[in-house]
Amino acid sequence: MIQLGTRKEYGEFLNGREILEAHECPFCDIEAVKEMVIWEGAYWVVLYNKYPYTGNDQHIMAVPRAHKEFFTEFSSEEVAELGQVHAEVKKFF
């Protein structure tokens, strides 16, 4: 079973900051959050939200492997893999 944190714990993790700095991305080292991963593709990872808003393990996320500021920056291959992401999310629910 995965170990989820609370929103209070997330606030403590942020230590008074509103957001993490870019160099603190929790998804760049996927091995560090391996127990949270549901599915991995070449361009996307589907994983549990460690600090879910809903308070349960039904809050999952699709996270791109590459940092992008705008959706238009994704390649056609990255966008195409979203079909697989969608299929995996449907299996989850």
N, C-alpha and C. Protein backbone atom coordinates (compact mmCIF):
# COMPACT_ATOMS: atom_id res chain seq x y z
N MET A 1 0.83 -1.18 0.00
CA MET A 1 0.00 0.00 0.00
C MET A 1 0.88 1.25 0.00
N ILE A 2 0.48 2.23 -0.75
CA ILE A 2 1.25 3.46 -0.82
C ILE A 2 1.03 4.31 0.42
N GLN A 3 2.03 5.09 0.76
CA GLN A 3 1.95 5.97 1.93
C GLN A 3 1.70 7.40 1.44
N LEU A 4 0.49 7.89 1.67
CA LEU A 4 0.14 9.23 1.26
C LEU A 4 0.31 10.19 2.42
N GLY A 5 0.63 11.44 2.09
CA GLY A 5 0.73 12.48 3.10
C GLY A 5 -0.54 13.30 3.15
N THR A 6 -0.63 14.16 4.12
CA THR A 6 -1.78 15.04 4.26
C THR A 6 -1.44 16.41 3.68
N ARG A 7 -2.45 17.24 3.48
CA ARG A 7 -2.21 18.60 3.02
C ARG A 7 -1.40 19.37 4.07
N LYS A 8 -1.63 19.07 5.35
CA LYS A 8 -0.85 19.71 6.42
C LYS A 8 0.63 19.34 6.28
N GLU A 9 0.91 18.07 6.02
CA GLU A 9 2.29 17.63 5.84
C GLU A 9 2.92 18.30 4.61
N TYR A 10 2.11 18.51 3.57
CA TYR A 10 2.62 19.19 2.39
C TYR A 10 3.00 20.63 2.74
N GLY A 11 2.17 21.28 3.53
CA GLY A 11 2.49 22.64 3.98
C GLY A 11 3.78 22.67 4.77
N GLU A 12 3.99 21.67 5.60
CA GLU A 12 5.24 21.58 6.37
C GLU A 12 6.42 21.33 5.44
N PHE A 13 6.20 20.49 4.42
CA PHE A 13 7.23 20.21 3.43
C PHE A 13 7.65 21.49 2.70
N LEU A 14 6.67 22.33 2.37
CA LEU A 14 6.97 23.59 1.68
C LEU A 14 7.67 24.59 2.59
N ASN A 15 7.51 24.42 3.90
CA ASN A 15 8.21 25.26 4.87
C ASN A 15 7.94 26.74 4.64
N GLY A 16 6.65 27.10 4.50
CA GLY A 16 6.27 28.49 4.37
C GLY A 16 6.28 29.04 2.95
N ARG A 17 6.82 28.29 2.00
CA ARG A 17 6.83 28.74 0.61
C ARG A 17 5.51 28.39 -0.05
N GLU A 18 5.15 29.10 -1.10
CA GLU A 18 3.92 28.79 -1.81
C GLU A 18 4.11 27.68 -2.84
N ILE A 19 5.28 27.65 -3.48
CA ILE A 19 5.57 26.62 -4.47
C ILE A 19 7.04 26.21 -4.35
N LEU A 20 7.37 25.09 -4.98
CA LEU A 20 8.76 24.65 -5.03
C LEU A 20 9.51 25.41 -6.11
N GLU A 21 10.80 25.51 -5.95
CA GLU A 21 11.64 26.10 -6.99
C GLU A 21 11.81 25.08 -8.12
N ALA A 22 12.15 25.53 -9.31
CA ALA A 22 12.29 24.65 -10.47
C ALA A 22 13.30 23.53 -10.22
N HIS A 23 14.37 23.83 -9.52
CA HIS A 23 15.40 22.81 -9.27
C HIS A 23 14.96 21.77 -8.23
N GLU A 24 13.79 21.97 -7.62
CA GLU A 24 13.28 21.04 -6.61
C GLU A 24 12.16 20.15 -7.16
N CYS A 25 12.05 20.04 -8.45
CA CYS A 25 10.97 19.28 -9.08
C CYS A 25 10.92 17.86 -8.50
N PRO A 26 9.78 17.49 -7.92
CA PRO A 26 9.69 16.15 -7.32
C PRO A 26 9.55 15.03 -8.34
N PHE A 27 9.42 15.38 -9.61
CA PHE A 27 9.22 14.36 -10.64
C PHE A 27 10.46 14.13 -11.50
N CYS A 28 11.48 14.96 -11.36
CA CYS A 28 12.67 14.79 -12.18
C CYS A 28 13.42 13.49 -11.84
N ASP A 29 13.42 13.12 -10.57
CA ASP A 29 14.06 11.87 -10.14
C ASP A 29 12.95 10.86 -9.90
N ILE A 30 12.49 10.23 -10.97
CA ILE A 30 11.35 9.32 -10.88
C ILE A 30 11.66 8.13 -9.97
N GLU A 31 12.92 7.77 -9.86
CA GLU A 31 13.29 6.66 -8.96
C GLU A 31 12.98 7.00 -7.51
N ALA A 32 13.05 8.27 -7.15
CA ALA A 32 12.79 8.68 -5.77
C ALA A 32 11.31 8.54 -5.39
N VAL A 33 10.44 8.51 -6.39
CA VAL A 33 9.00 8.38 -6.13
C VAL A 33 8.44 7.11 -6.78
N LYS A 34 9.30 6.14 -7.02
CA LYS A 34 8.94 4.92 -7.74
C LYS A 34 7.71 4.22 -7.15
N GLU A 35 7.56 4.25 -5.82
CA GLU A 35 6.43 3.57 -5.19
C GLU A 35 5.10 4.24 -5.52
N MET A 36 5.15 5.47 -6.03
CA MET A 36 3.93 6.21 -6.38
C MET A 36 3.52 5.99 -7.84
N VAL A 37 4.39 5.40 -8.64
CA VAL A 37 4.16 5.27 -10.09
C VAL A 37 3.15 4.16 -10.39
N ILE A 38 2.18 4.50 -11.21
CA ILE A 38 1.16 3.56 -11.67
C ILE A 38 1.52 3.06 -13.07
N TRP A 39 2.02 3.95 -13.92
CA TRP A 39 2.36 3.61 -15.31
C TRP A 39 3.44 4.55 -15.80
N GLU A 40 4.36 4.02 -16.61
CA GLU A 40 5.41 4.84 -17.22
C GLU A 40 5.41 4.64 -18.72
N GLY A 41 5.45 5.73 -19.45
CA GLY A 41 5.62 5.70 -20.88
C GLY A 41 6.94 6.37 -21.24
N ALA A 42 7.17 6.54 -22.50
CA ALA A 42 8.40 7.20 -22.94
C ALA A 42 8.41 8.68 -22.57
N TYR A 43 7.21 9.31 -22.58
CA TYR A 43 7.13 10.76 -22.37
C TYR A 43 6.31 11.18 -21.16
N TRP A 44 5.52 10.27 -20.61
CA TRP A 44 4.60 10.58 -19.51
C TRP A 44 4.70 9.55 -18.41
N VAL A 45 4.37 9.96 -17.20
CA VAL A 45 4.30 9.06 -16.05
C VAL A 45 2.96 9.34 -15.36
N VAL A 46 2.24 8.28 -15.03
CA VAL A 46 1.00 8.41 -14.26
C VAL A 46 1.33 7.92 -12.84
N LEU A 47 1.03 8.77 -11.86
CA LEU A 47 1.37 8.41 -10.49
C LEU A 47 0.36 8.98 -9.50
N TYR A 48 0.40 8.42 -8.31
CA TYR A 48 -0.42 8.94 -7.22
C TYR A 48 0.09 10.31 -6.80
N ASN A 49 -0.81 11.17 -6.38
CA ASN A 49 -0.42 12.43 -5.78
C ASN A 49 -0.08 12.14 -4.33
N LYS A 50 1.15 12.38 -3.94
CA LYS A 50 1.59 12.06 -2.58
C LYS A 50 0.81 12.86 -1.54
N TYR A 51 0.41 14.06 -1.89
CA TYR A 51 -0.35 14.92 -0.98
C TYR A 51 -1.70 15.25 -1.64
N PRO A 52 -2.62 14.27 -1.69
CA PRO A 52 -3.86 14.46 -2.45
C PRO A 52 -4.81 15.47 -1.84
N TYR A 53 -5.44 16.22 -2.70
CA TYR A 53 -6.47 17.17 -2.26
C TYR A 53 -7.69 16.42 -1.74
N THR A 54 -7.94 15.26 -2.32
CA THR A 54 -9.13 14.50 -1.96
C THR A 54 -8.95 13.70 -0.68
N GLY A 55 -7.72 13.54 -0.23
CA GLY A 55 -7.46 12.79 0.99
C GLY A 55 -7.50 11.29 0.81
N ASN A 56 -7.50 10.83 -0.45
CA ASN A 56 -7.49 9.39 -0.67
C ASN A 56 -6.62 9.04 -1.87
N ASP A 57 -6.49 7.75 -2.14
CA ASP A 57 -5.60 7.30 -3.21
C ASP A 57 -6.23 7.36 -4.59
N GLN A 58 -7.35 8.05 -4.74
CA GLN A 58 -7.98 8.20 -6.04
C GLN A 58 -7.51 9.45 -6.78
N HIS A 59 -6.64 10.24 -6.18
CA HIS A 59 -6.11 11.44 -6.82
C HIS A 59 -4.79 11.07 -7.49
N ILE A 60 -4.85 10.92 -8.82
CA ILE A 60 -3.64 10.58 -9.57
C ILE A 60 -3.31 11.70 -10.54
N MET A 61 -2.08 11.67 -11.06
CA MET A 61 -1.61 12.73 -11.96
C MET A 61 -0.90 12.12 -13.16
N ALA A 62 -1.00 12.77 -14.29
CA ALA A 62 -0.19 12.45 -15.46
C ALA A 62 0.85 13.56 -15.57
N VAL A 63 2.11 13.18 -15.48
CA VAL A 63 3.20 14.16 -15.45
C VAL A 63 4.12 13.92 -16.64
N PRO A 64 4.41 14.97 -17.41
CA PRO A 64 5.36 14.79 -18.51
C PRO A 64 6.78 14.61 -17.98
N ARG A 65 7.57 13.82 -18.67
CA ARG A 65 8.97 13.63 -18.25
C ARG A 65 9.80 14.89 -18.48
N ALA A 66 9.42 15.68 -19.46
CA ALA A 66 10.16 16.90 -19.79
C ALA A 66 9.44 18.12 -19.26
N HIS A 67 10.21 19.10 -18.81
CA HIS A 67 9.62 20.35 -18.36
C HIS A 67 9.20 21.17 -19.58
N LYS A 68 7.95 21.58 -19.57
CA LYS A 68 7.41 22.43 -20.64
C LYS A 68 6.62 23.54 -19.99
N GLU A 69 6.70 24.71 -20.57
CA GLU A 69 5.92 25.82 -20.05
C GLU A 69 4.53 25.86 -20.68
N PHE A 70 4.45 25.52 -21.96
CA PHE A 70 3.20 25.57 -22.68
C PHE A 70 2.94 24.25 -23.39
N PHE A 71 1.67 23.88 -23.50
CA PHE A 71 1.31 22.64 -24.17
C PHE A 71 1.83 22.61 -25.61
N THR A 72 1.88 23.75 -26.25
CA THR A 72 2.33 23.81 -27.64
C THR A 72 3.80 23.43 -27.81
N GLU A 73 4.53 23.33 -26.71
CA GLU A 73 5.94 22.93 -26.77
C GLU A 73 6.11 21.41 -26.88
N PHE A 74 5.05 20.64 -26.63
CA PHE A 74 5.16 19.19 -26.73
C PHE A 74 5.28 18.77 -28.18
N SER A 75 6.09 17.75 -28.42
CA SER A 75 6.23 17.21 -29.77
C SER A 75 5.00 16.38 -30.12
N SER A 76 4.84 16.06 -31.38
CA SER A 76 3.70 15.25 -31.79
C SER A 76 3.77 13.87 -31.14
N GLU A 77 4.97 13.34 -30.90
CA GLU A 77 5.13 12.05 -30.24
C GLU A 77 4.67 12.11 -28.78
N GLU A 78 5.02 13.21 -28.11
CA GLU A 78 4.59 13.39 -26.72
C GLU A 78 3.07 13.50 -26.62
N VAL A 79 2.49 14.24 -27.53
CA VAL A 79 1.04 14.40 -27.54
C VAL A 79 0.36 13.07 -27.88
N ALA A 80 0.93 12.34 -28.82
CA ALA A 80 0.35 11.05 -29.22
C ALA A 80 0.31 10.07 -28.04
N GLU A 81 1.31 10.11 -27.19
CA GLU A 81 1.34 9.19 -26.05
C GLU A 81 0.25 9.50 -25.03
N LEU A 82 -0.35 10.67 -25.10
CA LEU A 82 -1.47 10.99 -24.21
C LEU A 82 -2.63 10.01 -24.40
N GLY A 83 -2.74 9.41 -25.58
CA GLY A 83 -3.75 8.37 -25.80
C GLY A 83 -3.52 7.19 -24.87
N GLN A 84 -2.26 6.79 -24.70
CA GLN A 84 -1.93 5.71 -23.78
C GLN A 84 -2.17 6.15 -22.34
N VAL A 85 -1.85 7.39 -22.02
CA VAL A 85 -2.10 7.92 -20.68
C VAL A 85 -3.59 7.82 -20.38
N HIS A 86 -4.41 8.23 -21.32
CA HIS A 86 -5.86 8.18 -21.15
C HIS A 86 -6.33 6.75 -20.89
N ALA A 87 -5.81 5.80 -21.64
CA ALA A 87 -6.19 4.39 -21.47
C ALA A 87 -5.80 3.89 -20.08
N GLU A 88 -4.63 4.26 -19.61
CA GLU A 88 -4.17 3.83 -18.29
C GLU A 88 -5.01 4.43 -17.17
N VAL A 89 -5.38 5.69 -17.33
CA VAL A 89 -6.22 6.34 -16.32
C VAL A 89 -7.60 5.69 -16.30
N LYS A 90 -8.14 5.35 -17.47
CA LYS A 90 -9.44 4.68 -17.52
C LYS A 90 -9.37 3.33 -16.81
N LYS A 91 -8.26 2.59 -16.96
CA LYS A 91 -8.11 1.31 -16.26
C LYS A 91 -8.10 1.51 -14.76
N PHE A 92 -7.48 2.59 -14.32
CA PHE A 92 -7.37 2.87 -12.89
C PHE A 92 -8.74 3.07 -12.26
N PHE A 93 -9.61 3.77 -12.96
CA PHE A 93 -10.94 4.07 -12.44
C PHE A 93 -11.95 3.08 -12.94
